[in-house]
Protein backbone atom coordinates (compact mmCIF):
# COMPACT_ATOMS: atom_id res chain seq x y z
CA MET A 1 0.00 0.00 0.00
CA ALA A 2 1.19 3.53 -0.71
CA THR A 3 -0.06 7.01 0.19
CA ALA A 4 0.76 10.42 -1.30
CA SER A 5 0.55 13.62 0.71
CA TYR A 6 0.68 17.39 0.49
CA ASP A 7 3.61 17.19 2.91
CA ARG A 8 5.56 16.35 -0.28
CA THR A 9 6.22 12.76 0.72
CA VAL A 10 5.05 9.30 -0.28
CA CYS A 11 4.80 6.50 2.28
CA VAL A 12 5.10 2.84 1.31
CA TYR A 13 3.60 0.22 3.62
CA GLY A 14 3.82 -3.56 3.75
CA VAL A 15 1.76 -6.19 5.54
CA ASP A 16 3.12 -6.84 9.02
CA GLU A 17 3.11 -10.64 9.09
CA SER A 18 3.94 -10.71 12.81
CA GLN A 19 0.65 -8.96 13.60
CA GLN A 20 -1.61 -11.10 11.42
CA GLY A 21 -4.49 -13.00 12.97
CA SER A 22 -6.58 -15.68 11.34
CA ALA A 23 -9.74 -13.56 11.20
CA SER A 24 -8.36 -10.04 11.46
CA LEU A 25 -7.88 -7.39 8.81
CA PRO A 26 -4.32 -6.94 7.50
CA LYS A 27 -2.04 -4.82 9.65
CA TYR A 28 0.52 -2.65 7.91
CA LYS A 29 3.90 -1.25 8.84
CA LEU A 30 5.78 1.66 7.28
CA LEU A 31 8.54 0.42 4.99
CA LYS A 32 9.80 3.72 3.60
CA GLN A 33 8.97 7.40 3.48
CA LEU A 34 10.08 8.93 0.18
CA GLY A 35 10.80 12.62 -0.26
CA PRO A 36 10.48 15.42 0.26
CA PHE A 37 9.76 16.01 -3.41
CA ILE A 38 9.92 19.42 -5.06
CA GLY A 39 6.15 19.86 -4.71
CA ASN A 40 3.06 18.12 -3.40
CA ALA A 41 2.86 14.41 -4.19
CA GLU A 42 -0.23 14.80 -6.35
CA THR A 43 -0.85 11.33 -7.81
CA ILE A 44 0.51 7.78 -7.56
CA CYS A 45 -0.11 4.42 -9.20
CA PHE A 46 1.44 0.96 -9.28
CA ALA A 47 2.95 0.17 -12.68
CA ASN A 48 3.41 -3.46 -11.63
CA ASP A 49 4.05 -5.51 -8.48
CA THR A 50 7.47 -3.96 -7.92
CA THR A 51 7.14 -0.42 -9.29
CA LEU A 52 5.35 2.64 -7.92
CA VAL A 53 5.02 5.78 -10.05
CA VAL A 54 4.76 9.22 -8.41
CA GLY A 55 3.57 12.46 -10.03
CA VAL A 56 4.56 15.70 -8.29
CA ARG A 57 3.17 19.23 -8.53
CA ASP A 58 5.50 21.71 -10.30
CA ASP A 59 7.81 18.90 -11.43
CA ASN A 60 8.40 17.83 -15.05
CA TYR A 61 9.54 14.36 -13.99
CA LEU A 62 7.64 11.19 -13.16
CA HIS A 63 9.34 9.26 -10.39
CA TYR A 64 9.52 5.48 -10.80
CA ILE A 65 10.20 3.77 -7.46
CA ASN A 66 11.62 0.23 -7.37
CA LEU A 67 9.80 -1.26 -4.37
CA GLU A 68 12.40 -3.99 -3.89
CA ASN A 69 15.28 -1.61 -3.17
CA MET A 70 13.44 1.77 -2.97
CA GLN A 71 15.69 3.22 -5.67
CA GLN A 72 14.23 6.03 -7.76
CA GLN A 73 14.38 6.67 -11.50
CA ARG A 74 13.26 10.03 -12.86
CA ILE A 75 11.58 10.14 -16.27
CA ASN A 76 11.28 13.51 -18.00
CA MET A 77 7.77 14.20 -19.29
CA ASN A 78 8.99 16.83 -21.76
CA ALA A 79 9.45 15.41 -25.25
CA THR A 80 12.46 17.66 -25.90
CA GLY A 81 14.19 16.64 -22.67
CA ASP A 82 14.29 20.18 -21.23
CA ASP A 83 13.43 21.07 -17.64
CA TRP A 84 10.77 23.69 -18.31
CA VAL A 85 7.64 23.06 -16.21
CA SER A 86 4.54 23.98 -18.20
CA PHE A 87 2.15 21.50 -16.56
CA SER A 88 1.86 19.23 -13.55
CA PRO A 89 0.64 15.62 -13.45
CA ILE A 90 -2.57 15.31 -11.47
CA CYS A 91 -3.82 11.83 -12.36
CA ILE A 92 -1.75 8.88 -13.60
CA SER A 93 -2.66 5.27 -14.28
CA VAL A 94 -1.26 2.29 -16.17
CA SER A 95 -3.10 0.29 -18.84
CA SER A 96 -4.24 -3.23 -17.98
CA ASP A 97 -1.30 -4.78 -19.86
CA GLY A 98 1.16 -2.42 -18.15
CA SER A 99 2.66 -1.11 -21.38
CA GLN A 100 1.23 2.42 -21.32
CA LEU A 101 0.89 5.13 -18.69
CA LEU A 102 -1.81 7.79 -19.02
CA CYS A 103 -1.08 11.15 -17.42
CA THR A 104 -3.73 13.83 -17.01
CA THR A 105 -2.22 17.27 -16.48
CA ASP A 106 -3.45 20.51 -14.95
CA HIS A 107 -3.00 22.44 -18.22
CA LYS A 108 -6.07 24.48 -19.15
CA SER A 109 -6.12 22.83 -22.60
CA GLY A 110 -7.02 19.53 -20.93
CA ARG A 111 -3.75 18.00 -22.09
CA THR A 112 -3.47 14.31 -21.29
CA ILE A 113 -0.35 12.40 -22.34
CA LEU A 114 -0.03 8.71 -23.16
CA PHE A 115 3.49 7.49 -22.36
CA GLU A 116 5.23 4.23 -22.95
CA THR A 117 5.58 2.97 -19.39
CA GLY A 118 9.00 3.65 -17.93
CA THR A 119 10.16 5.96 -20.71
CA SER A 120 9.76 9.56 -21.92
CA ARG A 121 8.24 8.40 -25.21
CA GLN A 122 4.94 10.16 -25.86
CA ILE A 123 2.67 7.85 -27.82
CA GLN A 124 -0.24 10.27 -28.03
CA ASN A 125 -1.41 13.64 -26.72
CA TYR A 126 -5.08 14.33 -26.04
CA TYR A 127 -6.84 17.61 -25.34
CA VAL A 128 -9.98 16.76 -23.41
CA ASN A 129 -12.27 18.90 -21.23
CA ALA A 130 -10.46 22.21 -21.69
CA THR A 131 -11.32 24.81 -19.05
CA ASP A 132 -9.96 28.04 -17.58
CA ASN A 133 -11.17 26.96 -14.13
CA THR A 134 -7.98 26.64 -12.08
CA PHE A 135 -9.89 24.66 -9.45
CA ALA A 136 -11.06 21.97 -11.88
CA THR A 137 -10.59 18.40 -10.68
CA ARG A 138 -9.40 16.27 -13.61
CA ARG A 139 -9.63 12.49 -13.38
CA HIS A 140 -9.50 9.52 -15.74
CA VAL A 141 -9.86 5.74 -15.69
CA TRP A 142 -9.05 3.19 -18.37
CA HIS A 143 -11.58 0.98 -20.06
CA PRO A 144 -10.35 -2.63 -19.42
CA SER A 145 -9.76 -3.14 -23.15
CA GLY A 146 -7.31 -0.25 -23.28
CA LEU A 147 -9.10 1.00 -26.39
CA TYR A 148 -10.87 3.80 -24.50
CA PHE A 149 -10.57 5.85 -21.35
CA TYR A 150 -13.04 7.97 -19.40
CA ALA A 151 -12.08 11.54 -18.47
CA SER A 152 -13.71 14.25 -16.36
CA GLY A 153 -12.87 17.84 -15.48
CA GLY A 154 -14.76 19.99 -17.98
CA ASP A 155 -17.19 22.81 -17.27
CA ASP A 156 -20.14 20.64 -18.34
CA ASN A 157 -19.57 18.16 -15.45
CA ALA A 158 -19.71 15.29 -17.93
CA ILE A 159 -17.51 12.24 -18.46
CA SER A 160 -15.87 12.08 -21.88
CA VAL A 161 -15.44 8.67 -23.52
CA VAL A 162 -12.14 8.96 -25.42
CA GLU A 163 -10.81 6.56 -28.05
CA THR A 164 -7.19 5.87 -27.10
CA LYS A 165 -5.85 5.44 -30.64
CA THR A 166 -7.31 8.59 -32.17
CA GLY A 167 -8.17 10.87 -29.25
CA ARG A 168 -11.70 11.17 -30.59
CA VAL A 169 -14.41 11.79 -27.99
CA VAL A 170 -16.95 9.16 -28.98
CA ASP A 171 -19.52 9.97 -26.32
CA SER A 172 -20.26 12.09 -23.27
CA LEU A 173 -21.89 10.77 -20.09
CA THR A 174 -24.08 13.43 -18.50
CA GLY A 175 -25.85 13.36 -15.16
CA HIS A 176 -23.77 15.20 -12.58
CA GLU A 177 -24.85 18.73 -11.69
CA ALA A 178 -21.49 19.81 -10.24
CA MET A 179 -17.82 19.00 -10.68
CA ILE A 180 -16.86 15.32 -10.64
CA ARG A 181 -14.44 14.53 -7.84
CA SER A 182 -13.52 10.91 -8.49
CA LEU A 183 -13.83 8.10 -11.04
CA ALA A 184 -13.44 4.36 -10.48
CA LEU A 185 -14.10 1.31 -12.59
CA ASP A 186 -14.94 -2.10 -11.16
CA ALA A 187 -15.16 -5.28 -13.22
CA HIS A 188 -18.44 -6.29 -11.55
CA ILE A 189 -20.11 -2.93 -10.93
CA GLY A 190 -18.98 -0.80 -13.88
CA LEU A 191 -18.01 2.86 -14.02
CA VAL A 192 -18.64 4.82 -10.81
CA SER A 193 -18.35 8.59 -10.41
CA ALA A 194 -18.60 10.81 -7.34
CA GLY A 195 -19.28 14.53 -7.55
CA TYR A 196 -19.56 17.75 -5.63
CA ASP A 197 -23.31 17.50 -6.28
CA HIS A 198 -23.35 15.08 -3.32
CA SER A 199 -24.08 12.11 -5.55
CA VAL A 200 -22.46 8.85 -6.61
CA LYS A 201 -23.49 7.51 -10.00
CA ILE A 202 -23.12 3.98 -11.39
CA TRP A 203 -23.11 4.06 -15.17
CA SER A 204 -23.14 0.48 -16.40
CA LYS A 205 -22.05 -3.11 -15.96
CA PRO A 206 -20.21 -5.25 -16.86
CA SER A 207 -17.11 -3.16 -17.51
CA ASP A 208 -15.84 -5.20 -20.46
CA LYS A 209 -18.45 -3.48 -22.61
CA LEU A 210 -18.06 0.15 -23.61
CA ILE A 211 -20.07 2.39 -21.32
CA ARG A 212 -21.84 4.95 -23.48
């Protein structure tokens, strides 16, 4: 388990086997506190069983953490390799096959970048849900097929269904009356969204079919 904080650190926890009981919930112990980073630890995801990826506010690098030795590798998000910071990562996730990492940024254009996992190679750039609202909460989740992803953060409070290959918005899911705060996708339940309109919406099931 890992947590990211506005204290500019990331904490990595492991199951404490010495505290396990036959019927009890898992107990965790702190393995490592990483940081401080240059800015707030804004978003994290597991790339695989041994790699944690960290996105940091005001930082043009993604930080790949080897969980076996806690060593860090920095990957520059800028295609030209420079250190100019023109956006921050605010939501990252890895495709189901682990080969691609999707990074939603805070840029007002709605820029979302598809990287080859573990490298600076930009496979595709998307511009989804553009807004001048500096308080917009941008989130995304992958469709299990990897052919689409769902993205929120626009002024219309809708969820865009984006085709990964082309960047084409093939549909828009409307229903929230205020900004969407969080997206999750469960194989049994489907797509779930939570918003500042005090509602949680379940869009469809099963998740192996495109939710439109």
